[in-house]
Structure formats: structure tokens, C-alpha cells
N, C-alpha and C. Protein backbone atom coordinates (compact mmCIF):
# COMPACT_ATOMS: atom_id res chain seq x y z
N MET A 1 13.59 -66.20 0.34
CA MET A 1 12.71 -65.70 -0.71
C MET A 1 11.70 -66.76 -1.12
N VAL A 2 12.11 -68.01 -1.19
CA VAL A 2 11.23 -69.09 -1.58
C VAL A 2 10.12 -69.27 -0.54
N ALA A 3 10.46 -69.12 0.74
CA ALA A 3 9.47 -69.28 1.80
C ALA A 3 8.38 -68.22 1.69
N ILE A 4 8.73 -66.99 1.36
CA ILE A 4 7.75 -65.90 1.21
C ILE A 4 6.80 -66.21 0.06
N LYS A 5 7.34 -66.69 -1.06
CA LYS A 5 6.49 -67.03 -2.21
C LYS A 5 5.52 -68.15 -1.85
N LYS A 6 5.99 -69.12 -1.07
CA LYS A 6 5.15 -70.23 -0.67
C LYS A 6 4.02 -69.74 0.25
N ILE A 7 4.34 -68.85 1.17
CA ILE A 7 3.33 -68.29 2.07
C ILE A 7 2.30 -67.51 1.28
N ILE A 8 2.75 -66.68 0.35
CA ILE A 8 1.83 -65.88 -0.47
C ILE A 8 0.92 -66.80 -1.27
N ARG A 9 1.49 -67.85 -1.86
CA ARG A 9 0.69 -68.79 -2.64
C ARG A 9 -0.33 -69.48 -1.74
N ASN A 10 0.09 -69.86 -0.53
CA ASN A 10 -0.83 -70.50 0.41
C ASN A 10 -1.94 -69.55 0.85
N CYS A 11 -1.62 -68.28 1.05
CA CYS A 11 -2.63 -67.29 1.41
C CYS A 11 -3.60 -67.08 0.26
N ARG A 12 -3.07 -67.04 -0.94
CA ARG A 12 -3.93 -66.88 -2.11
C ARG A 12 -4.89 -68.06 -2.22
N GLN A 13 -4.38 -69.26 -2.01
CA GLN A 13 -5.22 -70.45 -2.06
C GLN A 13 -6.25 -70.42 -0.92
N ALA A 14 -5.82 -69.99 0.25
CA ALA A 14 -6.72 -69.94 1.41
C ALA A 14 -7.87 -68.96 1.16
N THR A 15 -7.57 -67.79 0.59
CA THR A 15 -8.64 -66.82 0.34
C THR A 15 -9.62 -67.36 -0.71
N LEU A 16 -9.12 -68.08 -1.69
CA LEU A 16 -10.01 -68.70 -2.68
C LEU A 16 -10.92 -69.73 -2.01
N LEU A 17 -10.36 -70.52 -1.10
CA LEU A 17 -11.16 -71.52 -0.41
C LEU A 17 -12.18 -70.87 0.52
N ILE A 18 -11.79 -69.78 1.15
CA ILE A 18 -12.72 -69.05 2.02
C ILE A 18 -13.92 -68.57 1.22
N GLU A 19 -13.66 -68.02 0.04
CA GLU A 19 -14.75 -67.55 -0.81
C GLU A 19 -15.55 -68.72 -1.38
N LYS A 20 -14.88 -69.80 -1.73
CA LYS A 20 -15.57 -70.97 -2.26
C LYS A 20 -16.54 -71.53 -1.22
N GLN A 21 -16.15 -71.44 0.05
CA GLN A 21 -16.95 -71.96 1.15
C GLN A 21 -18.32 -71.28 1.22
N THR A 22 -18.43 -70.06 0.73
CA THR A 22 -19.70 -69.34 0.81
C THR A 22 -20.73 -69.87 -0.18
N THR A 23 -20.27 -70.53 -1.26
CA THR A 23 -21.21 -70.99 -2.28
C THR A 23 -21.20 -72.51 -2.47
N ASP A 24 -20.09 -73.15 -2.19
CA ASP A 24 -19.95 -74.59 -2.42
C ASP A 24 -19.43 -75.27 -1.16
N LYS A 25 -19.56 -76.57 -1.15
CA LYS A 25 -18.99 -77.35 -0.07
C LYS A 25 -17.54 -77.69 -0.44
N LEU A 26 -16.64 -77.53 0.52
CA LEU A 26 -15.24 -77.85 0.28
C LEU A 26 -15.04 -79.36 0.36
N THR A 27 -14.06 -79.84 -0.40
CA THR A 27 -13.68 -81.24 -0.27
C THR A 27 -12.99 -81.41 1.07
N VAL A 28 -12.83 -82.64 1.49
CA VAL A 28 -12.16 -82.91 2.76
C VAL A 28 -10.74 -82.35 2.73
N LYS A 29 -10.05 -82.56 1.61
CA LYS A 29 -8.67 -82.07 1.47
C LYS A 29 -8.64 -80.54 1.56
N GLU A 30 -9.56 -79.87 0.86
CA GLU A 30 -9.60 -78.40 0.90
C GLU A 30 -9.92 -77.91 2.30
N PHE A 31 -10.89 -78.56 2.95
CA PHE A 31 -11.28 -78.17 4.30
C PHE A 31 -10.12 -78.27 5.27
N LEU A 32 -9.42 -79.39 5.23
CA LEU A 32 -8.28 -79.59 6.14
C LEU A 32 -7.15 -78.63 5.82
N SER A 33 -6.89 -78.41 4.55
CA SER A 33 -5.85 -77.48 4.13
C SER A 33 -6.15 -76.08 4.64
N LEU A 34 -7.40 -75.65 4.51
CA LEU A 34 -7.79 -74.32 4.97
C LEU A 34 -7.69 -74.23 6.49
N ARG A 35 -8.19 -75.24 7.19
CA ARG A 35 -8.12 -75.23 8.66
C ARG A 35 -6.68 -75.12 9.15
N LEU A 36 -5.81 -75.88 8.54
CA LEU A 36 -4.40 -75.86 8.94
C LEU A 36 -3.79 -74.49 8.67
N HIS A 37 -4.09 -73.93 7.50
CA HIS A 37 -3.55 -72.62 7.17
C HIS A 37 -4.06 -71.56 8.14
N LEU A 38 -5.35 -71.61 8.48
CA LEU A 38 -5.92 -70.60 9.37
C LEU A 38 -5.36 -70.69 10.79
N LEU A 39 -4.87 -71.87 11.18
CA LEU A 39 -4.25 -72.00 12.50
C LEU A 39 -3.02 -71.11 12.63
N PHE A 40 -2.31 -70.93 11.53
CA PHE A 40 -1.04 -70.21 11.58
C PHE A 40 -1.07 -68.82 10.94
N CYS A 41 -2.13 -68.48 10.23
CA CYS A 41 -2.14 -67.22 9.48
C CYS A 41 -3.23 -66.28 9.99
N SER A 42 -2.81 -65.29 10.75
CA SER A 42 -3.77 -64.34 11.32
C SER A 42 -4.38 -63.43 10.24
N VAL A 43 -3.66 -63.18 9.18
CA VAL A 43 -4.17 -62.33 8.09
C VAL A 43 -5.35 -63.02 7.42
N CYS A 44 -5.22 -64.30 7.13
CA CYS A 44 -6.31 -65.04 6.49
C CYS A 44 -7.48 -65.24 7.45
N ARG A 45 -7.20 -65.37 8.76
CA ARG A 45 -8.30 -65.46 9.72
C ARG A 45 -9.11 -64.17 9.71
N LEU A 46 -8.42 -63.03 9.64
CA LEU A 46 -9.10 -61.74 9.57
C LEU A 46 -9.90 -61.64 8.26
N PHE A 47 -9.30 -62.08 7.16
CA PHE A 47 -10.00 -62.07 5.86
C PHE A 47 -11.28 -62.89 5.95
N LYS A 48 -11.20 -64.05 6.56
CA LYS A 48 -12.38 -64.92 6.68
C LYS A 48 -13.45 -64.23 7.51
N LYS A 49 -13.07 -63.64 8.61
CA LYS A 49 -14.02 -62.94 9.48
C LYS A 49 -14.71 -61.81 8.71
N GLN A 50 -13.94 -61.04 7.96
CA GLN A 50 -14.51 -59.94 7.19
C GLN A 50 -15.39 -60.45 6.06
N SER A 51 -14.99 -61.53 5.42
CA SER A 51 -15.76 -62.10 4.32
C SER A 51 -17.11 -62.59 4.82
N VAL A 52 -17.13 -63.25 5.95
CA VAL A 52 -18.38 -63.74 6.54
C VAL A 52 -19.28 -62.55 6.88
N ALA A 53 -18.72 -61.50 7.45
CA ALA A 53 -19.51 -60.32 7.82
C ALA A 53 -20.11 -59.65 6.58
N ILE A 54 -19.32 -59.52 5.52
CA ILE A 54 -19.80 -58.90 4.28
C ILE A 54 -20.92 -59.73 3.68
N ASN A 55 -20.76 -61.05 3.65
CA ASN A 55 -21.80 -61.92 3.10
C ASN A 55 -23.10 -61.81 3.89
N LYS A 56 -23.01 -61.75 5.22
CA LYS A 56 -24.21 -61.60 6.04
C LYS A 56 -24.89 -60.26 5.77
N MET A 57 -24.10 -59.19 5.64
CA MET A 57 -24.67 -57.87 5.35
C MET A 57 -25.38 -57.88 4.00
N MET A 58 -24.77 -58.50 3.00
CA MET A 58 -25.38 -58.55 1.67
C MET A 58 -26.69 -59.34 1.70
N ILE A 59 -26.72 -60.44 2.40
CA ILE A 59 -27.95 -61.23 2.52
C ILE A 59 -29.04 -60.39 3.18
N ASN A 60 -28.68 -59.67 4.24
CA ASN A 60 -29.65 -58.82 4.92
C ASN A 60 -30.15 -57.69 4.02
N LEU A 61 -29.25 -57.09 3.24
CA LEU A 61 -29.66 -56.03 2.31
C LEU A 61 -30.62 -56.56 1.25
N ILE A 62 -30.33 -57.74 0.73
CA ILE A 62 -31.19 -58.33 -0.29
C ILE A 62 -32.57 -58.63 0.30
N LYS A 63 -32.60 -59.20 1.50
CA LYS A 63 -33.88 -59.49 2.15
C LYS A 63 -34.67 -58.21 2.40
N ALA A 64 -33.98 -57.16 2.85
CA ALA A 64 -34.65 -55.89 3.11
C ALA A 64 -35.21 -55.30 1.83
N ALA A 65 -34.45 -55.39 0.75
CA ALA A 65 -34.91 -54.85 -0.54
C ALA A 65 -36.13 -55.61 -1.03
N GLU A 66 -36.13 -56.92 -0.86
CA GLU A 66 -37.28 -57.72 -1.28
C GLU A 66 -38.51 -57.41 -0.43
N THR A 67 -38.31 -57.21 0.86
CA THR A 67 -39.42 -56.92 1.76
C THR A 67 -40.01 -55.55 1.51
N ASN A 68 -39.15 -54.57 1.22
CA ASN A 68 -39.60 -53.19 1.05
C ASN A 68 -39.89 -52.82 -0.39
N ALA A 69 -39.85 -53.76 -1.29
CA ALA A 69 -40.11 -53.47 -2.70
C ALA A 69 -41.55 -53.02 -2.87
N PRO A 70 -41.75 -51.96 -3.64
CA PRO A 70 -43.13 -51.48 -3.82
C PRO A 70 -43.96 -52.50 -4.59
N LYS A 71 -45.20 -52.63 -4.18
CA LYS A 71 -46.13 -53.55 -4.84
C LYS A 71 -47.11 -52.72 -5.67
N LEU A 72 -47.28 -53.10 -6.92
CA LEU A 72 -48.21 -52.41 -7.80
C LEU A 72 -49.49 -53.24 -7.91
N ASP A 73 -50.62 -52.60 -7.60
CA ASP A 73 -51.88 -53.32 -7.75
C ASP A 73 -52.30 -53.33 -9.22
N ASP A 74 -53.25 -54.18 -9.55
CA ASP A 74 -53.67 -54.37 -10.94
C ASP A 74 -54.26 -53.10 -11.54
N ALA A 75 -55.00 -52.34 -10.75
CA ALA A 75 -55.60 -51.10 -11.27
C ALA A 75 -54.51 -50.10 -11.68
N TYR A 76 -53.47 -49.99 -10.86
CA TYR A 76 -52.38 -49.07 -11.18
C TYR A 76 -51.62 -49.53 -12.43
N LYS A 77 -51.42 -50.85 -12.54
CA LYS A 77 -50.75 -51.40 -13.72
C LYS A 77 -51.56 -51.11 -15.00
N THR A 78 -52.87 -51.28 -14.89
CA THR A 78 -53.73 -51.02 -16.04
C THR A 78 -53.67 -49.55 -16.43
N SER A 79 -53.67 -48.67 -15.43
CA SER A 79 -53.58 -47.23 -15.68
C SER A 79 -52.27 -46.89 -16.38
N LEU A 80 -51.19 -47.46 -15.92
CA LEU A 80 -49.88 -47.21 -16.55
C LEU A 80 -49.87 -47.72 -17.99
N GLN A 81 -50.43 -48.91 -18.21
CA GLN A 81 -50.47 -49.46 -19.56
C GLN A 81 -51.28 -48.56 -20.49
N GLN A 82 -52.38 -48.00 -20.01
CA GLN A 82 -53.20 -47.10 -20.81
C GLN A 82 -52.43 -45.83 -21.17
N GLN A 83 -51.69 -45.30 -20.19
CA GLN A 83 -50.88 -44.11 -20.45
C GLN A 83 -49.81 -44.39 -21.49
N ILE A 84 -49.19 -45.55 -21.40
CA ILE A 84 -48.16 -45.93 -22.38
C ILE A 84 -48.79 -46.07 -23.76
N ASP A 85 -49.92 -46.76 -23.81
CA ASP A 85 -50.62 -46.93 -25.09
C ASP A 85 -50.98 -45.60 -25.71
N GLU A 86 -51.45 -44.65 -24.91
CA GLU A 86 -51.81 -43.32 -25.42
C GLU A 86 -50.58 -42.60 -25.96
N LYS A 87 -49.47 -42.70 -25.29
CA LYS A 87 -48.24 -42.02 -25.71
C LYS A 87 -47.70 -42.57 -27.03
N ILE A 88 -47.85 -43.88 -27.24
CA ILE A 88 -47.31 -44.46 -28.46
C ILE A 88 -48.34 -44.51 -29.57
N GLY A 89 -49.56 -44.01 -29.27
CA GLY A 89 -50.58 -43.88 -30.31
C GLY A 89 -51.37 -45.12 -30.61
N LYS A 90 -51.54 -45.96 -29.67
CA LYS A 90 -52.34 -47.19 -29.88
C LYS A 90 -53.80 -46.86 -29.80
């Protein structure tokens, strides 16, 4: 029973390190600990693979949204502002 708890705790720590890796640099100790854990844990290797794929998809979605965002020219903005002003009685 103790061995199962230790494995679960190590997997929990490994998943935290996998996620931390996406935003921060791991310390040498964290990096080595994660590498060692991933050598023996196929579940965490799969989690890492999925996490990397999800992060790449999100980055691509954000880039696509920024690229395809509608651009409003100054004349259209002025027209909208006039309509707003008329509605509120300015």
C-alpha cells in the first residue's frame, strides 16, 4: 500500500513538473527527477505527449484568432461613435 501511495505522489509531482515546463525553466533537480520518472512511467509519458499537443494546438488557435481578427478602419469607427452618441443623446 505504501508503494502505491509513493507512485501516485511521484506521478502527481511529475505532472506538475510537466506543466511547469511549459511556462518556466525547471531546476536541474526537477529536470532530472522528471526524466527519471518518465523512464519508468508510461502513464506520465502519455500525459506529457498529450500536454505538449494541447499546448501546440492552443498556440495555433491563438495565432489564427489574431491573424483573422477583423480590422476596423477609422471611418467605420467614427461612424459607430456617431451612432452611439446619437443613441445616448449627445
